[in-house]
Amino acid sequence: MDSFKVIEIKKSVFEGNERRAGELRAELGRRGLFLLNLMSSPGSGKTTTLLRTIEALRGELDLGVLEADIDSDVDARAVHEAGARAIQLHTGGMCHLDAEMTRRGLEALGTEGLDCVILENIGNLICTADFDTGASRSAMILSVPEGDDKPLKYPHMFEVVDLVLVNKIDALPLFDFDLGRFRERLARLNPRARVLPVSAKTGEGMGAWADWLRGEIGSWKLAAGRRGQEGGRL
């Protein structure tokens, strides 16, 4: 039997991406530009949450948005009309963004004058968690209709995030979602992750979300100032 080679593609892809993500994160850190990777399943309310966020921080912080989708530009148009700088990223069928895609998106967006860029990642709870985008922080949205058992089904997503927004809490009376049970399940996977119940529809809890974002952006900029290094320009 002829010999053949087995190539560990998955390992090499991840290793290369981790290196590029680290480089991008270091560059953004030197410049004090905060990049948030926002993940969720489809229909969780990412775009509505973004629109509320833009409204809450208008006149205070300059935001940019990278909208990632397999196709269409509906979300980017909505964000642009809300007054934030935005571009649409089409992945050509890929279910995630990696660090190099994110860098190219930032270059196309143009980050001069921005305090924060939010990457609205493609809607799924699997491969988006596997690829480091170089973001400063990662957050996810879990909507009440999805159920409080998602940490059991998609543990890696909940392991990598810094914050979980539990969205659509106005619908709690209609669904069997136990917030306390969800907190316990998340804590077993990721005790450092913060949980914020919100309703992007009604605005409930959005003030706490805006406060978290302000604090993280401020800390990122303060750390960049302490380093005292000049960054490049994307």
Protein backbone atom coordinates (compact mmCIF):
# COMPACT_ATOMS: atom_id res chain seq x y z
CA MET A 1 0.00 0.00 0.00
CA ASP A 2 1.34 3.43 -0.92
CA SER A 3 2.12 5.73 1.97
CA PHE A 4 0.13 8.91 2.35
CA LYS A 5 0.25 12.05 4.46
CA VAL A 6 -2.29 13.17 7.01
CA ILE A 7 -2.26 16.94 7.38
CA GLU A 8 -3.66 18.52 10.54
CA ILE A 9 -5.39 21.38 8.74
CA LYS A 10 -7.61 22.37 11.64
CA LYS A 11 -4.66 22.75 13.99
CA SER A 12 -2.60 24.81 11.55
CA VAL A 13 -5.55 27.06 10.70
CA PHE A 14 -6.22 27.77 14.37
CA GLU A 15 -2.56 28.35 15.20
CA GLY A 16 -2.11 30.81 12.34
CA ASN A 17 -5.28 32.64 13.26
CA GLU A 18 -4.31 32.89 16.93
CA ARG A 19 -1.03 34.52 15.97
CA ARG A 20 -2.72 37.03 13.68
CA ALA A 21 -5.41 37.72 16.30
CA GLY A 22 -2.76 38.44 18.92
CA GLU A 23 -0.99 40.82 16.59
CA LEU A 24 -4.20 42.66 15.76
CA ARG A 25 -5.22 42.89 19.40
CA ALA A 26 -1.81 44.28 20.35
CA GLU A 27 -2.03 46.88 17.58
CA LEU A 28 -5.51 47.96 18.63
CA GLY A 29 -4.33 48.08 22.24
CA ARG A 30 -1.48 50.40 21.38
CA ARG A 31 -3.91 52.70 19.64
CA GLY A 32 -6.63 52.50 22.29
CA LEU A 33 -9.24 51.35 19.76
CA PHE A 34 -11.74 49.00 21.41
CA LEU A 35 -13.07 46.13 19.29
CA LEU A 36 -16.06 44.13 20.53
CA ASN A 37 -16.90 40.76 19.00
CA LEU A 38 -20.68 40.38 19.35
CA MET A 39 -22.00 36.87 18.72
CA SER A 40 -25.38 35.12 18.86
CA SER A 41 -27.70 32.82 17.00
CA PRO A 42 -29.92 34.24 14.22
CA GLY A 43 -32.94 36.14 15.48
CA SER A 44 -31.56 36.89 18.93
CA GLY A 45 -31.76 40.66 18.38
CA LYS A 46 -28.16 41.67 17.58
CA THR A 47 -29.05 44.45 15.17
CA THR A 48 -31.83 45.85 17.36
CA THR A 49 -29.41 45.82 20.29
CA LEU A 50 -26.84 47.67 18.18
CA LEU A 51 -29.36 50.33 17.23
CA ARG A 52 -30.24 50.84 20.91
CA THR A 53 -26.52 51.03 21.72
CA ILE A 54 -25.89 53.67 19.09
CA GLU A 55 -28.79 55.68 20.48
CA ALA A 56 -27.56 55.35 24.09
CA LEU A 57 -24.00 56.47 23.29
CA ARG A 58 -24.74 59.09 20.63
CA GLY A 59 -22.76 62.30 21.22
CA GLU A 60 -20.56 60.54 23.79
CA LEU A 61 -18.63 57.84 21.93
CA ASP A 62 -17.99 57.40 18.23
CA LEU A 63 -18.94 53.89 17.14
CA GLY A 64 -18.25 51.91 14.01
CA VAL A 65 -19.89 48.62 13.07
CA LEU A 66 -18.72 45.68 10.98
CA GLU A 67 -21.80 43.74 9.88
CA ALA A 68 -20.96 40.17 8.90
CA ASP A 69 -23.40 38.08 6.90
CA ILE A 70 -23.29 35.43 4.25
CA ASP A 71 -25.24 37.82 2.01
CA SER A 72 -27.36 41.03 1.94
CA ASP A 73 -26.64 44.51 3.31
CA VAL A 74 -29.86 45.06 5.26
CA ASP A 75 -28.22 45.31 8.68
CA ALA A 76 -25.42 47.64 7.58
CA ARG A 77 -27.95 49.99 6.00
CA ALA A 78 -29.98 50.08 9.23
CA VAL A 79 -26.88 50.87 11.31
CA HIS A 80 -25.76 53.55 8.84
CA GLU A 81 -29.19 55.19 8.93
CA ALA A 82 -28.94 55.23 12.75
CA GLY A 83 -25.86 57.43 12.46
CA ALA A 84 -22.93 55.04 12.92
CA ARG A 85 -20.16 54.31 10.47
CA ALA A 86 -20.79 50.83 9.06
CA ILE A 87 -19.79 48.40 6.36
CA GLN A 88 -21.14 44.99 5.37
CA LEU A 89 -18.81 41.99 5.24
CA HIS A 90 -19.87 39.08 3.03
CA THR A 91 -18.19 35.80 3.92
CA GLY A 92 -19.09 33.86 0.80
CA GLY A 93 -20.71 31.04 2.73
CA MET A 94 -18.23 30.83 5.60
CA CYS A 95 -19.88 30.63 9.02
CA HIS A 96 -17.37 32.74 10.94
CA LEU A 97 -14.91 35.61 10.78
CA ASP A 98 -11.25 35.21 11.65
CA ALA A 99 -8.56 37.75 12.52
CA GLU A 100 -7.48 38.47 8.94
CA MET A 101 -11.08 39.02 7.79
CA THR A 102 -11.56 41.38 10.73
CA ARG A 103 -8.41 43.32 9.90
CA ARG A 104 -9.54 43.75 6.31
CA GLY A 105 -12.94 44.90 7.55
CA LEU A 106 -11.35 47.50 9.81
CA GLU A 107 -9.20 48.77 6.97
CA ALA A 108 -12.25 49.13 4.73
CA LEU A 109 -14.29 50.78 7.47
CA GLY A 110 -11.63 53.31 8.37
CA THR A 111 -11.19 53.67 12.10
CA GLU A 112 -9.80 57.19 12.37
CA GLY A 113 -11.73 59.06 15.07
CA LEU A 114 -13.58 56.02 16.37
CA ASP A 115 -13.63 54.97 20.02
CA CYS A 116 -15.11 51.54 19.46
CA VAL A 117 -15.86 49.15 16.63
CA ILE A 118 -18.49 46.47 17.15
CA LEU A 119 -18.18 43.38 15.01
CA GLU A 120 -21.61 41.82 14.57
CA ASN A 121 -20.48 38.30 13.84
CA ILE A 122 -22.38 35.78 11.76
CA GLY A 123 -25.37 34.26 13.52
CA ASN A 124 -24.50 30.88 15.00
CA LEU A 125 -23.32 29.49 18.33
CA ILE A 126 -20.65 27.12 17.02
CA CYS A 127 -17.81 28.23 14.76
CA THR A 128 -17.91 31.93 15.63
CA ALA A 129 -16.66 30.96 19.10
CA ASP A 130 -13.78 28.93 17.67
CA PHE A 131 -12.03 31.74 15.80
CA ASP A 132 -10.33 34.60 17.66
CA THR A 133 -11.04 37.82 15.76
CA GLY A 134 -8.48 39.90 17.64
CA ALA A 135 -11.24 41.63 19.59
CA SER A 136 -10.62 43.43 22.86
CA ARG A 137 -13.65 41.74 24.44
CA SER A 138 -16.28 39.22 23.35
CA ALA A 139 -19.97 39.32 24.18
CA MET A 140 -22.96 37.28 23.12
CA ILE A 141 -26.71 37.69 23.05
CA LEU A 142 -28.96 34.87 24.17
CA SER A 143 -32.66 35.53 23.67
CA VAL A 144 -35.29 34.21 26.05
CA PRO A 145 -37.10 32.13 23.37
CA GLU A 146 -33.88 30.13 22.81
CA GLY A 147 -34.06 28.63 26.30
CA ASP A 148 -31.82 28.58 29.36
CA ASP A 149 -30.23 25.25 28.37
CA LYS A 150 -27.95 26.68 25.67
CA PRO A 151 -24.80 26.56 27.87
CA LEU A 152 -25.29 22.78 28.00
CA LYS A 153 -25.58 22.49 24.21
CA TYR A 154 -22.99 25.03 23.10
CA PRO A 155 -20.49 25.19 25.99
CA HIS A 156 -17.55 26.65 24.09
CA MET A 157 -19.47 29.80 23.16
CA PHE A 158 -20.24 30.46 26.80
CA GLU A 159 -16.68 29.68 27.86
CA VAL A 160 -15.08 32.38 25.68
CA VAL A 161 -17.32 35.40 26.28
CA ASP A 162 -16.84 38.20 28.78
CA LEU A 163 -20.53 39.10 28.95
CA VAL A 164 -23.91 37.59 28.07
CA LEU A 165 -26.87 39.79 27.26
CA VAL A 166 -30.07 37.87 27.96
CA ASN A 167 -32.34 39.63 25.50
CA LYS A 168 -36.14 39.74 25.12
CA ILE A 169 -36.79 39.61 28.87
CA ASP A 170 -40.13 41.28 28.11
CA ALA A 171 -41.12 37.81 26.83
CA LEU A 172 -40.16 35.95 30.02
CA PRO A 173 -43.81 35.26 30.99
CA LEU A 174 -44.32 33.45 27.69
CA PHE A 175 -41.37 31.05 27.85
CA ASP A 176 -39.89 28.52 30.22
CA PHE A 177 -36.67 30.47 30.78
CA ASP A 178 -35.28 30.45 34.32
CA LEU A 179 -32.75 33.26 34.71
CA GLY A 180 -31.34 31.82 37.94
CA ARG A 181 -30.89 28.41 36.34
CA PHE A 182 -29.14 30.02 33.37
CA ARG A 183 -26.75 31.93 35.67
CA GLU A 184 -25.83 28.69 37.45
CA ARG A 185 -25.15 26.88 34.20
CA LEU A 186 -23.04 29.72 32.88
CA ALA A 187 -21.08 30.03 36.14
CA ARG A 188 -20.03 26.40 35.93
CA LEU A 189 -18.50 27.05 32.51
CA ASN A 190 -17.30 30.62 32.92
CA PRO A 191 -17.50 32.18 36.38
CA ARG A 192 -15.97 35.45 35.18
CA ALA A 193 -18.69 36.17 32.59
CA ARG A 194 -21.19 38.85 33.52
CA VAL A 195 -24.92 38.48 32.79
CA LEU A 196 -27.14 41.44 31.90
CA PRO A 197 -30.88 40.89 31.33
CA VAL A 198 -32.12 43.33 28.67
CA SER A 199 -34.91 44.02 26.25
CA ALA A 200 -33.68 45.71 23.09
CA LYS A 201 -37.33 46.17 22.13
CA THR A 202 -38.43 48.11 25.23
CA GLY A 203 -35.04 49.47 26.29
CA GLU A 204 -35.08 47.72 29.67
CA GLY A 205 -31.57 47.03 30.95
CA MET A 206 -29.88 48.87 28.08
CA GLY A 207 -28.48 51.48 30.47
CA ALA A 208 -26.48 48.79 32.30
CA TRP A 209 -25.23 47.47 28.96
CA ALA A 210 -24.13 50.96 27.88
CA ASP A 211 -22.38 51.41 31.25
CA TRP A 212 -20.48 48.15 30.79
CA LEU A 213 -19.39 49.19 27.33
CA ARG A 214 -18.31 52.65 28.54
CA GLY A 215 -16.26 51.06 31.31
CA GLU A 216 -14.53 48.56 29.04
CA ILE A 217 -13.72 51.19 26.42
CA GLY A 218 -12.39 53.52 29.09
CA SER A 219 -10.19 50.81 30.60
CA TRP A 220 -8.85 49.88 27.17
CA LYS A 221 -7.93 53.47 26.38
CA LEU A 222 -6.36 53.95 29.82
CA ALA A 223 -4.19 50.88 29.34
CA ALA A 224 -3.13 52.18 25.91
CA GLY A 225 -2.18 55.50 27.47
CA ARG A 226 -0.06 53.79 30.13
CA ARG A 227 1.83 51.89 27.51
CA GLY A 228 2.65 55.23 25.93
CA GLN A 229 3.30 53.75 22.52
CA GLU A 230 2.29 55.15 19.19
CA GLY A 231 0.09 52.82 17.12
CA GLY A 232 -0.23 52.44 13.41
CA ARG A 233 -3.20 53.46 11.35
CA LEU A 234 -5.74 51.03 9.96
